[in-house]
Amino acid sequence: APLGDVSFTTCTTCFYDIFLSRVAASSVCVEILQPPFAISRENDPSVTLTCEQDDDQHYYMYWYRRRSSGGLQLVALSHGKDTWDVEPPFNKSRFAMRRPAVLNSTLGVYFCSVSETQ
C-alpha cells in the first residue's frame, strides 16, 4: 500500500580554479523521487522499487540497502544510460529494481542516489 511519495534534492558543488588564486563554485541539484511502499499482497510476493530523477545527464544511479544491523550495502548501480550491474537475487528495468520474492536475506530499507559521474 503506498504511503505517499518522498522527494528530496541532492546537490553537488564543483570547484574550479580561475587565475591561480580565485576559486569559483557552481552547484548542480537533482530532485529524486522515491515512492515508499509497504508489502501486503497475498498473491504477489514480488516487489518493485522505483526511483525517478529530473536530470537526464545523471546516468549513474545507485541502489543501497540498509539492514537492521547497520551500514549501507550497494546492491545495484548503473554505468550509463540503460546499463546496469545488479547483485543477485535482483534484476532490473530502466530506473526500477524488481525482486522475485521477499526473503529475510533481502530485508532492509532501500535508498537510491544519482550521479553525473561515477
PDB file of N, CA and C in Angstrom:
ATOM      1  N   ALA A   1       0.849  -1.180   0.000  1.00  0.00           N
ATOM      2  CA  ALA A   1       0.000   0.000   0.000  1.00  0.00           C
ATOM      3  C   ALA A   1       0.885   1.230   0.000  1.00  0.00           C
ATOM      4  N   PRO A   2       0.673   2.155  -0.930  1.00  0.00           N
ATOM      5  CA  PRO A   2       1.507   3.352  -0.984  1.00  0.00           C
ATOM      6  C   PRO A   2       1.369   4.187   0.281  1.00  0.00           C
ATOM      7  N   LEU A   3       2.462   4.748   0.713  1.00  0.00           N
ATOM      8  CA  LEU A   3       2.470   5.584   1.912  1.00  0.00           C
ATOM      9  C   LEU A   3       2.598   7.060   1.573  1.00  0.00           C
ATOM     10  N   GLY A   4       2.748   7.419   0.300  1.00  0.00           N
ATOM     11  CA  GLY A   4       2.982   8.795  -0.115  1.00  0.00           C
ATOM     12  C   GLY A   4       4.400   8.946  -0.613  1.00  0.00           C
ATOM     13  N   ASP A   5       4.565   9.748  -1.652  1.00  0.00           N
ATOM     14  CA  ASP A   5       5.883   9.918  -2.258  1.00  0.00           C
ATOM     15  C   ASP A   5       6.822  10.702  -1.356  1.00  0.00           C
ATOM     16  N   VAL A   6       8.088  10.335  -1.407  1.00  0.00           N
ATOM     17  CA  VAL A   6       9.136  11.066  -0.714  1.00  0.00           C
ATOM     18  C   VAL A   6      10.008  11.694  -1.780  1.00  0.00           C
ATOM     19  N   SER A   7      10.208  12.986  -1.686  1.00  0.00           N
ATOM     20  CA  SER A   7      11.028  13.691  -2.660  1.00  0.00           C
ATOM     21  C   SER A   7      12.153  14.391  -1.914  1.00  0.00           C
ATOM     22  N   PHE A   8      13.360  14.296  -2.435  1.00  0.00           N
ATOM     23  CA  PHE A   8      14.470  15.013  -1.840  1.00  0.00           C
ATOM     24  C   PHE A   8      15.382  15.506  -2.944  1.00  0.00           C
ATOM     25  N   THR A   9      16.166  16.506  -2.644  1.00  0.00           N
ATOM     26  CA  THR A   9      17.073  17.090  -3.620  1.00  0.00           C
ATOM     27  C   THR A   9      18.492  16.855  -3.167  1.00  0.00           C
ATOM     28  N   THR A  10      19.322  16.394  -4.093  1.00  0.00           N
ATOM     29  CA  THR A  10      20.734  16.213  -3.800  1.00  0.00           C
ATOM     30  C   THR A  10      21.520  17.213  -4.631  1.00  0.00           C
ATOM     31  N   CYS A  11      22.486  17.855  -4.032  1.00  0.00           N
ATOM     32  CA  CYS A  11      23.273  18.874  -4.728  1.00  0.00           C
ATOM     33  C   CYS A  11      24.749  18.519  -4.690  1.00  0.00           C
ATOM     34  N   THR A  12      25.418  18.792  -5.790  1.00  0.00           N
ATOM     35  CA  THR A  12      26.855  18.606  -5.874  1.00  0.00           C
ATOM     36  C   THR A  12      27.483  19.960  -6.160  1.00  0.00           C
ATOM     37  N   THR A  13      28.468  20.339  -5.402  1.00  0.00           N
ATOM     38  CA  THR A  13      29.163  21.594  -5.638  1.00  0.00           C
ATOM     39  C   THR A  13      30.522  21.296  -6.250  1.00  0.00           C
ATOM     40  N   CYS A  14      30.781  21.925  -7.380  1.00  0.00           N
ATOM     41  CA  CYS A  14      32.051  21.730  -8.080  1.00  0.00           C
ATOM     42  C   CYS A  14      32.873  23.004  -7.955  1.00  0.00           C
ATOM     43  N   PHE A  15      34.153  22.843  -7.690  1.00  0.00           N
ATOM     44  CA  PHE A  15      35.036  23.989  -7.560  1.00  0.00           C
ATOM     45  C   PHE A  15      36.001  24.017  -8.741  1.00  0.00           C
ATOM     46  N   TYR A  16      36.215  25.197  -9.275  1.00  0.00           N
ATOM     47  CA  TYR A  16      37.105  25.368 -10.416  1.00  0.00           C
ATOM     48  C   TYR A  16      38.137  26.436 -10.081  1.00  0.00           C
ATOM     49  N   ASP A  17      39.387  26.190 -10.420  1.00  0.00           N
ATOM     50  CA  ASP A  17      40.432  27.195 -10.226  1.00  0.00           C
ATOM     51  C   ASP A  17      40.400  28.180 -11.388  1.00  0.00           C
ATOM     52  N   ILE A  18      40.405  29.456 -11.045  1.00  0.00           N
ATOM     53  CA  ILE A  18      40.440  30.501 -12.067  1.00  0.00           C
ATOM     54  C   ILE A  18      41.576  31.444 -11.707  1.00  0.00           C
ATOM     55  N   PHE A  19      42.518  31.618 -12.613  1.00  0.00           N
ATOM     56  CA  PHE A  19      43.649  32.526 -12.402  1.00  0.00           C
ATOM     57  C   PHE A  19      44.400  32.259 -11.101  1.00  0.00           C
ATOM     58  N   LEU A  20      45.046  31.256 -10.900  1.00  0.00           N
ATOM     59  CA  LEU A  20      45.905  30.936  -9.775  1.00  0.00           C
ATOM     60  C   LEU A  20      45.256  30.980  -8.396  1.00  0.00           C
ATOM     61  N   SER A  21      44.648  32.071  -7.985  1.00  0.00           N
ATOM     62  CA  SER A  21      44.170  32.147  -6.606  1.00  0.00           C
ATOM     63  C   SER A  21      42.655  32.284  -6.470  1.00  0.00           C
ATOM     64  N   ARG A  22      41.951  32.474  -7.528  1.00  0.00           N
ATOM     65  CA  ARG A  22      40.500  32.610  -7.426  1.00  0.00           C
ATOM     66  C   ARG A  22      39.837  31.249  -7.600  1.00  0.00           C
ATOM     67  N   VAL A  23      38.785  31.048  -6.867  1.00  0.00           N
ATOM     68  CA  VAL A  23      38.030  29.800  -6.981  1.00  0.00           C
ATOM     69  C   VAL A  23      36.557  30.156  -7.180  1.00  0.00           C
ATOM     70  N   ALA A  24      35.963  29.545  -8.167  1.00  0.00           N
ATOM     71  CA  ALA A  24      34.533  29.733  -8.403  1.00  0.00           C
ATOM     72  C   ALA A  24      33.829  28.413  -8.122  1.00  0.00           C
ATOM     73  N   ALA A  25      32.629  28.497  -7.651  1.00  0.00           N
ATOM     74  CA  ALA A  25      31.870  27.280  -7.357  1.00  0.00           C
ATOM     75  C   ALA A  25      30.559  27.299  -8.130  1.00  0.00           C
ATOM     76  N   SER A  26      30.155  26.129  -8.580  1.00  0.00           N
ATOM     77  CA  SER A  26      28.838  26.003  -9.200  1.00  0.00           C
ATOM     78  C   SER A  26      28.158  24.783  -8.599  1.00  0.00           C
ATOM     79  N   SER A  27      26.856  24.885  -8.405  1.00  0.00           N
ATOM     80  CA  SER A  27      26.103  23.773  -7.826  1.00  0.00           C
ATOM     81  C   SER A  27      25.154  23.184  -8.855  1.00  0.00           C
ATOM     82  N   VAL A  28      25.049  21.875  -8.831  1.00  0.00           N
ATOM     83  CA  VAL A  28      24.103  21.156  -9.673  1.00  0.00           C
ATOM     84  C   VAL A  28      23.188  20.390  -8.734  1.00  0.00           C
ATOM     85  N   CYS A  29      21.897  20.635  -8.823  1.00  0.00           N
ATOM     86  CA  CYS A  29      20.950  19.960  -7.944  1.00  0.00           C
ATOM     87  C   CYS A  29      20.028  19.066  -8.763  1.00  0.00           C
ATOM     88  N   VAL A  30      19.768  17.892  -8.244  1.00  0.00           N
ATOM     89  CA  VAL A  30      18.893  16.925  -8.893  1.00  0.00           C
ATOM     90  C   VAL A  30      17.814  16.538  -7.899  1.00  0.00           C
ATOM     91  N   GLU A  31      16.567  16.608  -8.323  1.00  0.00           N
ATOM     92  CA  GLU A  31      15.479  16.158  -7.459  1.00  0.00           C
ATOM     93  C   GLU A  31      15.252  14.673  -7.690  1.00  0.00           C
ATOM     94  N   ILE A  32      15.180  13.918  -6.605  1.00  0.00           N
ATOM     95  CA  ILE A  32      14.978  12.470  -6.660  1.00  0.00           C
ATOM     96  C   ILE A  32      13.634  12.156  -6.018  1.00  0.00           C
ATOM     97  N   LEU A  33      12.824  11.362  -6.709  1.00  0.00           N
ATOM     98  CA  LEU A  33      11.527  10.942  -6.191  1.00  0.00           C
ATOM     99  C   LEU A  33      11.564   9.441  -5.987  1.00  0.00           C
ATOM    100  N   GLN A  34      11.417   9.012  -4.749  1.00  0.00           N
ATOM    101  CA  GLN A  34      11.435   7.589  -4.415  1.00  0.00           C
ATOM    102  C   GLN A  34      10.180   7.274  -3.612  1.00  0.00           C
ATOM    103  N   PRO A  35       9.142   6.742  -4.296  1.00  0.00           N
ATOM    104  CA  PRO A  35       7.908   6.428  -3.574  1.00  0.00           C
ATOM    105  C   PRO A  35       8.125   5.306  -2.561  1.00  0.00           C
ATOM    106  N   PRO A  36       7.727   5.492  -1.306  1.00  0.00           N
ATOM    107  CA  PRO A  36       7.826   4.408  -0.325  1.00  0.00           C
ATOM    108  C   PRO A  36       6.700   3.405  -0.546  1.00  0.00           C
ATOM    109  N   PHE A  37       6.821   2.243   0.034  1.00  0.00           N
ATOM    110  CA  PHE A  37       5.796   1.227  -0.113  1.00  0.00           C
ATOM    111  C   PHE A  37       5.802   0.318   1.099  1.00  0.00           C
ATOM    112  N   ALA A  38       4.713  -0.383   1.274  1.00  0.00           N
ATOM    113  CA  ALA A  38       4.620  -1.432   2.289  1.00  0.00           C
ATOM    114  C   ALA A  38       4.099  -2.669   1.580  1.00  0.00           C
ATOM    115  N   ILE A  39       4.570  -3.826   1.978  1.00  0.00           N
ATOM    116  CA  ILE A  39       4.194  -5.069   1.318  1.00  0.00           C
ATOM    117  C   ILE A  39       3.019  -5.691   2.055  1.00  0.00           C
ATOM    118  N   SER A  40       1.922  -5.873   1.338  1.00  0.00           N
ATOM    119  CA  SER A  40       0.760  -6.511   1.953  1.00  0.00           C
ATOM    120  C   SER A  40      -0.093  -7.183   0.879  1.00  0.00           C
ATOM    121  N   ARG A  41       0.545  -7.893  -0.038  1.00  0.00           N
ATOM    122  CA  ARG A  41      -0.173  -8.572  -1.115  1.00  0.00           C
ATOM    123  C   ARG A  41      -0.153 -10.067  -0.879  1.00  0.00           C
ATOM    124  N   GLU A  42      -1.298 -10.688  -0.986  1.00  0.00           N
ATOM    125  CA  GLU A  42      -1.378 -12.128  -0.740  1.00  0.00           C
ATOM    126  C   GLU A  42      -0.855 -12.955  -1.900  1.00  0.00           C
ATOM    127  N   ASN A  43      -1.242 -12.622  -3.136  1.00  0.00           N
ATOM    128  CA  ASN A  43      -0.916 -13.464  -4.283  1.00  0.00           C
ATOM    129  C   ASN A  43       0.268 -12.974  -5.111  1.00  0.00           C
ATOM    130  N   ASP A  44       0.884 -11.873  -4.731  1.00  0.00           N
ATOM    131  CA  ASP A  44       2.023 -11.354  -5.488  1.00  0.00           C
ATOM    132  C   ASP A  44       3.157 -11.030  -4.528  1.00  0.00           C
ATOM    133  N   PRO A  45       4.078 -11.963  -4.326  1.00  0.00           N
ATOM    134  CA  PRO A  45       5.163 -11.738  -3.375  1.00  0.00           C
ATOM    135  C   PRO A  45       6.288 -10.851  -3.920  1.00  0.00           C
ATOM    136  N   SER A  46       6.217 -10.443  -5.202  1.00  0.00           N
ATOM    137  CA  SER A  46       7.296  -9.637  -5.768  1.00  0.00           C
ATOM    138  C   SER A  46       7.177  -8.182  -5.325  1.00  0.00           C
ATOM    139  N   VAL A  47       8.281  -7.472  -5.422  1.00  0.00           N
ATOM    140  CA  VAL A  47       8.353  -6.067  -5.025  1.00  0.00           C
ATOM    141  C   VAL A  47       9.087  -5.308  -6.114  1.00  0.00           C
ATOM    142  N   THR A  48       8.568  -4.151  -6.498  1.00  0.00           N
ATOM    143  CA  THR A  48       9.262  -3.288  -7.447  1.00  0.00           C
ATOM    144  C   THR A  48       9.626  -1.994  -6.738  1.00  0.00           C
ATOM    145  N   LEU A  49      10.901  -1.646  -6.747  1.00  0.00           N
ATOM    146  CA  LEU A  49      11.382  -0.402  -6.162  1.00  0.00           C
ATOM    147  C   LEU A  49      11.620   0.576  -7.300  1.00  0.00           C
ATOM    148  N   THR A  50      11.073   1.779  -7.191  1.00  0.00           N
ATOM    149  CA  THR A  50      11.264   2.757  -8.254  1.00  0.00           C
ATOM    150  C   THR A  50      11.967   3.996  -7.722  1.00  0.00           C
ATOM    151  N   CYS A  51      12.654   4.658  -8.618  1.00  0.00           N
ATOM    152  CA  CYS A  51      13.357   5.888  -8.290  1.00  0.00           C
ATOM    153  C   CYS A  51      13.383   6.738  -9.553  1.00  0.00           C
ATOM    154  N   GLU A  52      12.953   7.972  -9.448  1.00  0.00           N
ATOM    155  CA  GLU A  52      12.954   8.880 -10.586  1.00  0.00           C
ATOM    156  C   GLU A  52      13.796  10.096 -10.236  1.00  0.00           C
ATOM    157  N   GLN A  53      14.411  10.691 -11.259  1.00  0.00           N
ATOM    158  CA  GLN A  53      15.167  11.920 -11.051  1.00  0.00           C
ATOM    159  C   GLN A  53      14.921  12.839 -12.238  1.00  0.00           C
ATOM    160  N   ASP A  54      15.169  14.135 -12.052  1.00  0.00           N
ATOM    161  CA  ASP A  54      14.751  15.125 -13.041  1.00  0.00           C
ATOM    162  C   ASP A  54      15.865  15.661 -13.939  1.00  0.00           C
ATOM    163  N   ASP A  55      16.994  14.978 -14.030  1.00  0.00           N
ATOM    164  CA  ASP A  55      18.096  15.462 -14.868  1.00  0.00           C
ATOM    165  C   ASP A  55      18.610  14.321 -15.729  1.00  0.00           C
ATOM    166  N   ASP A  56      18.375  14.397 -17.042  1.00  0.00           N
ATOM    167  CA  ASP A  56      18.763  13.295 -17.926  1.00  0.00           C
ATOM    168  C   ASP A  56      20.266  13.198 -18.158  1.00  0.00           C
ATOM    169  N   GLN A  57      21.051  14.085 -17.563  1.00  0.00           N
ATOM    170  CA  GLN A  57      22.511  13.995 -17.647  1.00  0.00           C
ATOM    171  C   GLN A  57      23.101  13.154 -16.514  1.00  0.00           C
ATOM    172  N   HIS A  58      22.303  12.797 -15.552  1.00  0.00           N
ATOM    173  CA  HIS A  58      22.757  11.979 -14.422  1.00  0.00           C
ATOM    174  C   HIS A  58      22.428  10.517 -14.706  1.00  0.00           C
ATOM    175  N   TYR A  59      23.296   9.858 -15.476  1.00  0.00           N
ATOM    176  CA  TYR A  59      23.068   8.474 -15.891  1.00  0.00           C
ATOM    177  C   TYR A  59      23.424   7.466 -14.807  1.00  0.00           C
ATOM    178  N   TYR A  60      24.300   7.824 -13.893  1.00  0.00           N
ATOM    179  CA  TYR A  60      24.748   6.875 -12.877  1.00  0.00           C
ATOM    180  C   TYR A  60      23.750   6.844 -11.728  1.00  0.00           C
ATOM    181  N   MET A  61      23.154   5.683 -11.506  1.00  0.00           N
ATOM    182  CA  MET A  61      22.193   5.523 -10.424  1.00  0.00           C
ATOM    183  C   MET A  61      22.661   4.385  -9.527  1.00  0.00           C
ATOM    184  N   TYR A  62      22.507   4.565  -8.244  1.00  0.00           N
ATOM    185  CA  TYR A  62      22.960   3.593  -7.253  1.00  0.00           C
ATOM    186  C   TYR A  62      21.790   3.213  -6.358  1.00  0.00           C
ATOM    187  N   TRP A  63      21.683   1.944  -6.030  1.00  0.00           N
ATOM    188  CA  TRP A  63      20.719   1.453  -5.048  1.00  0.00           C
ATOM    189  C   TRP A  63      21.500   0.895  -3.863  1.00  0.00           C
ATOM    190  N   TYR A  64      21.121   1.329  -2.671  1.00  0.00           N
ATOM    191  CA  TYR A  64      21.747   0.863  -1.437  1.00  0.00           C
ATOM    192  C   TYR A  64      20.689   0.220  -0.546  1.00  0.00           C
ATOM    193  N   ARG A  65      21.126  -0.748   0.243  1.00  0.00           N
ATOM    194  CA  ARG A  65      20.251  -1.365   1.240  1.00  0.00           C
ATOM    195  C   ARG A  65      20.855  -1.129   2.614  1.00  0.00           C
ATOM    196  N   ARG A  66      20.021  -0.661   3.533  1.00  0.00           N
ATOM    197  CA  ARG A  66      20.443  -0.540   4.932  1.00  0.00           C
ATOM    198  C   ARG A  66      19.715  -1.618   5.706  1.00  0.00           C
ATOM    199  N   ARG A  67      20.489  -2.540   6.231  1.00  0.00           N
ATOM    200  CA  ARG A  67      19.918  -3.630   7.025  1.00  0.00           C
ATOM    201  C   ARG A  67      19.764  -3.170   8.461  1.00  0.00           C
ATOM    202  N   SER A  68      18.972  -3.910   9.223  1.00  0.00           N
ATOM    203  CA  SER A  68      18.743  -3.546  10.619  1.00  0.00           C
ATOM    204  C   SER A  68      20.033  -3.592  11.433  1.00  0.00           C
ATOM    205  N   SER A  69      21.019  -4.350  10.947  1.00  0.00           N
ATOM    206  CA  SER A  69      22.290  -4.472  11.667  1.00  0.00           C
ATOM    207  C   SER A  69      23.227  -3.288  11.449  1.00  0.00           C
ATOM    208  N   GLY A  70      22.894  -2.374  10.554  1.00  0.00           N
ATOM    209  CA  GLY A  70      23.762  -1.210  10.387  1.00  0.00           C
ATOM    210  C   GLY A  70      23.972  -0.797   8.957  1.00  0.00           C
ATOM    211  N   GLY A  71      25.242  -0.555   8.584  1.00  0.00           N
ATOM    212  CA  GLY A  71      25.700   0.083   7.361  1.00  0.00           C
ATOM    213  C   GLY A  71      24.940  -0.137   6.067  1.00  0.00           C
ATOM    214  N   LEU A  72      25.334   0.624   5.071  1.00  0.00           N
ATOM    215  CA  LEU A  72      24.749   0.550   3.744  1.00  0.00           C
ATOM    216  C   LEU A  72      25.493  -0.459   2.880  1.00  0.00           C
ATOM    217  N   GLN A  73      24.747  -1.197   2.074  1.00  0.00           N
ATOM    218  CA  GLN A  73      25.324  -2.156   1.132  1.00  0.00           C
ATOM    219  C   GLN A  73      24.880  -1.746  -0.264  1.00  0.00           C
ATOM    220  N   LEU A  74      25.829  -1.591  -1.198  1.00  0.00           N
ATOM    221  CA  LEU A  74      25.495  -1.302  -2.588  1.00  0.00           C
ATOM    222  C   LEU A  74      24.917  -2.564  -3.206  1.00  0.00           C
ATOM    223  N   VAL A  75      23.703  -2.486  -3.755  1.00  0.00           N
ATOM    224  CA  VAL A  75      23.086  -3.670  -4.354  1.00  0.00           C
ATOM    225  C   VAL A  75      22.945  -3.558  -5.860  1.00  0.00           C
ATOM    226  N   ALA A  76      22.980  -2.341  -6.411  1.00  0.00           N
ATOM    227  CA  ALA A  76      22.885  -2.182  -7.863  1.00  0.00           C
ATOM    228  C   ALA A  76      23.432  -0.822  -8.257  1.00  0.00           C
ATOM    229  N   LEU A  77      24.005  -0.737  -9.460  1.00  0.00           N
ATOM    230  CA  LEU A  77      24.477   0.536  -9.964  1.00  0.00           C
ATOM    231  C   LEU A  77      24.400   0.553 -11.472  1.00  0.00           C
ATOM    232  N   SER A  78      24.194   1.746 -12.027  1.00  0.00           N
ATOM    233  CA  SER A  78      24.209   1.909 -13.472  1.00  0.00           C
ATOM    234  C   SER A  78      25.560   2.472 -13.880  1.00  0.00           C
ATOM    235  N   HIS A  79      26.036   2.047 -15.050  1.00  0.00           N
ATOM    236  CA  HIS A  79      27.295   2.565 -15.598  1.00  0.00           C
ATOM    237  C   HIS A  79      27.031   3.626 -16.648  1.00  0.00           C
ATOM    238  N   GLY A  80      25.810   3.825 -16.995  1.00  0.00           N
ATOM    239  CA  GLY A  80      25.405   4.763 -18.026  1.00  0.00           C
ATOM    240  C   GLY A  80      23.964   4.484 -18.369  1.00  0.00           C
ATOM    241  N   LYS A  81      23.465   5.200 -19.326  1.00  0.00           N
ATOM    242  CA  LYS A  81      22.062   5.059 -19.690  1.00  0.00           C
ATOM    243  C   LYS A  81      21.742   3.619 -20.072  1.00  0.00           C
ATOM    244  N   ASP A  82      20.784   3.018 -19.371  1.00  0.00           N
ATOM    245  CA  ASP A  82      20.296   1.655 -19.636  1.00  0.00           C
ATOM    246  C   ASP A  82      21.347   0.567 -19.466  1.00  0.00           C
ATOM    247  N   THR A  83      22.390   0.787 -18.679  1.00  0.00           N
ATOM    248  CA  THR A  83      23.428  -0.217 -18.425  1.00  0.00           C
ATOM    249  C   THR A  83      23.563  -0.405 -16.918  1.00  0.00           C
ATOM    250  N   TRP A  84      23.337  -1.641 -16.438  1.00  0.00           N
ATOM    251  CA  TRP A  84      23.296  -1.905 -15.002  1.00  0.00           C
ATOM    252  C   TRP A  84      24.155  -3.093 -14.614  1.00  0.00           C
ATOM    253  N   ASP A  85      24.678  -3.055 -13.398  1.00  0.00           N
ATOM    254  CA  ASP A  85      25.221  -4.223 -12.705  1.00  0.00           C
ATOM    255  C   ASP A  85      24.334  -4.413 -11.485  1.00  0.00           C
ATOM    256  N   VAL A  86      23.749  -5.579 -11.376  1.00  0.00           N
ATOM    257  CA  VAL A  86      22.806  -5.843 -10.294  1.00  0.00           C
ATOM    258  C   VAL A  86      23.234  -7.094  -9.552  1.00  0.00           C
ATOM    259  N   GLU A  87      23.254  -6.996  -8.235  1.00  0.00           N
ATOM    260  CA  GLU A  87      23.607  -8.135  -7.402  1.00  0.00           C
ATOM    261  C   GLU A  87      22.412  -9.080  -7.294  1.00  0.00           C
ATOM    262  N   PRO A  88      22.628 -10.397  -7.391  1.00  0.00           N
ATOM    263  CA  PRO A  88      21.532 -11.356  -7.211  1.00  0.00           C
ATOM    264  C   PRO A  88      20.963 -11.227  -5.792  1.00  0.00           C
ATOM    265  N   PRO A  89      19.704 -11.459  -5.567  1.00  0.00           N
ATOM    266  CA  PRO A  89      18.694 -12.010  -6.475  1.00  0.00           C
ATOM    267  C   PRO A  89      17.895 -10.953  -7.220  1.00  0.00           C
ATOM    268  N   PHE A  90      18.425  -9.763  -7.403  1.00  0.00           N
ATOM    269  CA  PHE A  90      17.694  -8.685  -8.055  1.00  0.00           C
ATOM    270  C   PHE A  90      17.825  -8.780  -9.571  1.00  0.00           C
ATOM    271  N   ASN A  91      16.874  -8.158 -10.284  1.00  0.00           N
ATOM    272  CA  ASN A  91      17.035  -7.901 -11.706  1.00  0.00           C
ATOM    273  C   ASN A  91      16.562  -6.484 -11.957  1.00  0.00           C
ATOM    274  N   LYS A  92      16.643  -6.021 -13.192  1.00  0.00           N
ATOM    275  CA  LYS A  92      16.418  -4.601 -13.406  1.00  0.00           C
ATOM    276  C   LYS A  92      15.540  -4.296 -14.607  1.00  0.00           C
ATOM    277  N   SER A  93      15.026  -3.076 -14.593  1.00  0.00           N
ATOM    278  CA  SER A  93      14.392  -2.471 -15.756  1.00  0.00           C
ATOM    279  C   SER A  93      14.529  -0.964 -15.589  1.00  0.00           C
ATOM    280  N   ARG A  94      15.010  -0.316 -16.567  1.00  0.00           N
ATOM    281  CA  ARG A  94      15.338   1.117 -16.580  1.00  0.00           C
ATOM    282  C   ARG A  94      15.666   1.640 -15.181  1.00  0.00           C
ATOM    283  N   PHE A  95      14.826   2.461 -14.570  1.00  0.00           N
ATOM    284  CA  PHE A  95      15.139   3.000 -13.258  1.00  0.00           C
ATOM    285  C   PHE A  95      14.319   2.316 -12.172  1.00  0.00           C
ATOM    286  N   ALA A  96      14.205   1.009 -12.270  1.00  0.00           N
ATOM    287  CA  ALA A  96      13.476   0.246 -11.250  1.00  0.00           C
ATOM    288  C   ALA A  96      14.233  -1.037 -10.970  1.00  0.00           C
ATOM    289  N   MET A  97      14.131  -1.525  -9.778  1.00  0.00           N
ATOM    290  CA  MET A  97      14.674  -2.836  -9.425  1.00  0.00           C
ATOM    291  C   MET A  97      13.489  -3.712  -9.075  1.00  0.00           C
ATOM    292  N   ARG A  98      13.498  -4.924  -9.561  1.00  0.00           N
ATOM    293  CA  ARG A  98      12.408  -5.843  -9.248  1.00  0.00           C
ATOM    294  C   ARG A  98      12.993  -7.118  -8.679  1.00  0.00           C
ATOM    295  N   ARG A  99      12.473  -7.552  -7.561  1.00  0.00           N
ATOM    296  CA  ARG A  99      12.910  -8.793  -6.932  1.00  0.00           C
ATOM    297  C   ARG A  99      11.811  -9.827  -7.071  1.00  0.00           C
ATOM    298  N   PRO A 100      12.155 -11.086  -7.163  1.00  0.00           N
ATOM    299  CA  PRO A 100      11.148 -12.124  -7.330  1.00  0.00           C
ATOM    300  C   PRO A 100      10.326 -12.395  -6.080  1.00  0.00           C
ATOM    301  N   ALA A 101      10.870 -12.249  -4.914  1.00  0.00           N
ATOM    302  CA  ALA A 101      10.128 -12.524  -3.683  1.00  0.00           C
ATOM    303  C   ALA A 101      10.831 -11.853  -2.515  1.00  0.00           C
ATOM    304  N   VAL A 102      10.103 -11.657  -1.456  1.00  0.00           N
ATOM    305  CA  VAL A 102      10.672 -11.051  -0.258  1.00  0.00           C
ATOM    306  C   VAL A 102      11.261 -12.158   0.604  1.00  0.00           C
ATOM    307  N   LEU A 103      12.552 -12.056   0.861  1.00  0.00           N
ATOM    308  CA  LEU A 103      13.257 -13.046   1.675  1.00  0.00           C
ATOM    309  C   LEU A 103      13.885 -12.341   2.865  1.00  0.00           C
ATOM    310  N   ASN A 104      14.093 -13.053   3.946  1.00  0.00           N
ATOM    311  CA  ASN A 104      14.767 -12.451   5.101  1.00  0.00           C
ATOM    312  C   ASN A 104      16.135 -11.912   4.728  1.00  0.00           C
ATOM    313  N   SER A 105      16.824 -12.578   3.791  1.00  0.00           N
ATOM    314  CA  SER A 105      18.169 -12.144   3.406  1.00  0.00           C
ATOM    315  C   SER A 105      18.169 -10.836   2.619  1.00  0.00           C
ATOM    316  N   THR A 106      17.013 -10.385   2.152  1.00  0.00           N
ATOM    317  CA  THR A 106      16.955  -9.142   1.385  1.00  0.00           C
ATOM    318  C   THR A 106      16.141  -8.058   2.083  1.00  0.00           C
ATOM    319  N   LEU A 107      15.745  -8.295   3.330  1.00  0.00           N
ATOM    320  CA  LEU A 107      15.002  -7.284   4.067  1.00  0.00           C
ATOM    321  C   LEU A 107      15.897  -6.100   4.381  1.00  0.00           C
ATOM    322  N   GLY A 108      15.330  -4.913   4.386  1.00  0.00           N
ATOM    323  CA  GLY A 108      16.072  -3.718   4.718  1.00  0.00           C
ATOM    324  C   GLY A 108      15.361  -2.492   4.182  1.00  0.00           C
ATOM    325  N   VAL A 109      15.961  -1.337   4.395  1.00  0.00           N
ATOM    326  CA  VAL A 109      15.467  -0.080   3.849  1.00  0.00           C
ATOM    327  C   VAL A 109      16.320   0.224   2.633  1.00  0.00           C
ATOM    328  N   TYR A 110      15.686   0.497   1.494  1.00  0.00           N
ATOM    329  CA  TYR A 110      16.399   0.722   0.240  1.00  0.00           C
ATOM    330  C   TYR A 110      16.394   2.198  -0.125  1.00  0.00           C
ATOM    331  N   PHE A 111      17.546   2.675  -0.594  1.00  0.00           N
ATOM    332  CA  PHE A 111      17.716   4.063  -0.989  1.00  0.00           C
ATOM    333  C   PHE A 111      18.294   4.108  -2.391  1.00  0.00           C
ATOM    334  N   CYS A 112      17.929   5.126  -3.146  1.00  0.00           N
ATOM    335  CA  CYS A 112      18.581   5.321  -4.438  1.00  0.00           C
ATOM    336  C   CYS A 112      19.298   6.664  -4.427  1.00  0.00           C
ATOM    337  N   SER A 113      20.316   6.780  -5.259  1.00  0.00           N
ATOM    338  CA  SER A 113      21.018   8.042  -5.440  1.00  0.00           C
ATOM    339  C   SER A 113      21.464   8.123  -6.889  1.00  0.00           C
ATOM    340  N   VAL A 114      21.782   9.322  -7.345  1.00  0.00           N
ATOM    341  CA  VAL A 114      22.221   9.512  -8.721  1.00  0.00           C
ATOM    342  C   VAL A 114      23.487  10.349  -8.746  1.00  0.00           C
ATOM    343  N   SER A 115      24.215  10.226  -9.860  1.00  0.00           N
ATOM    344  CA  SER A 115      25.449  10.983 -10.021  1.00  0.00           C
ATOM    345  C   SER A 115      25.664  11.275 -11.500  1.00  0.00           C
ATOM    346  N   GLU A 116      26.278  12.407 -11.789  1.00  0.00           N
ATOM    347  CA  GLU A 116      26.614  12.751 -13.167  1.00  0.00           C
ATOM    348  C   GLU A 116      27.847  11.981 -13.624  1.00  0.00           C
ATOM    349  N   THR A 117      28.730  11.666 -12.688  1.00  0.00           N
ATOM    350  CA  THR A 117      29.928  10.877 -12.974  1.00  0.00           C
ATOM    351  C   THR A 117      30.010   9.731 -11.991  1.00  0.00           C
ATOM    352  N   GLN A 118      30.820   8.743 -12.320  1.00  0.00           N
ATOM    353  CA  GLN A 118      30.927   7.561 -11.469  1.00  0.00           C
ATOM    354  C   GLN A 118      31.808   7.808 -10.278  1.00  0.00           C
TER     355      GLN A 118
END
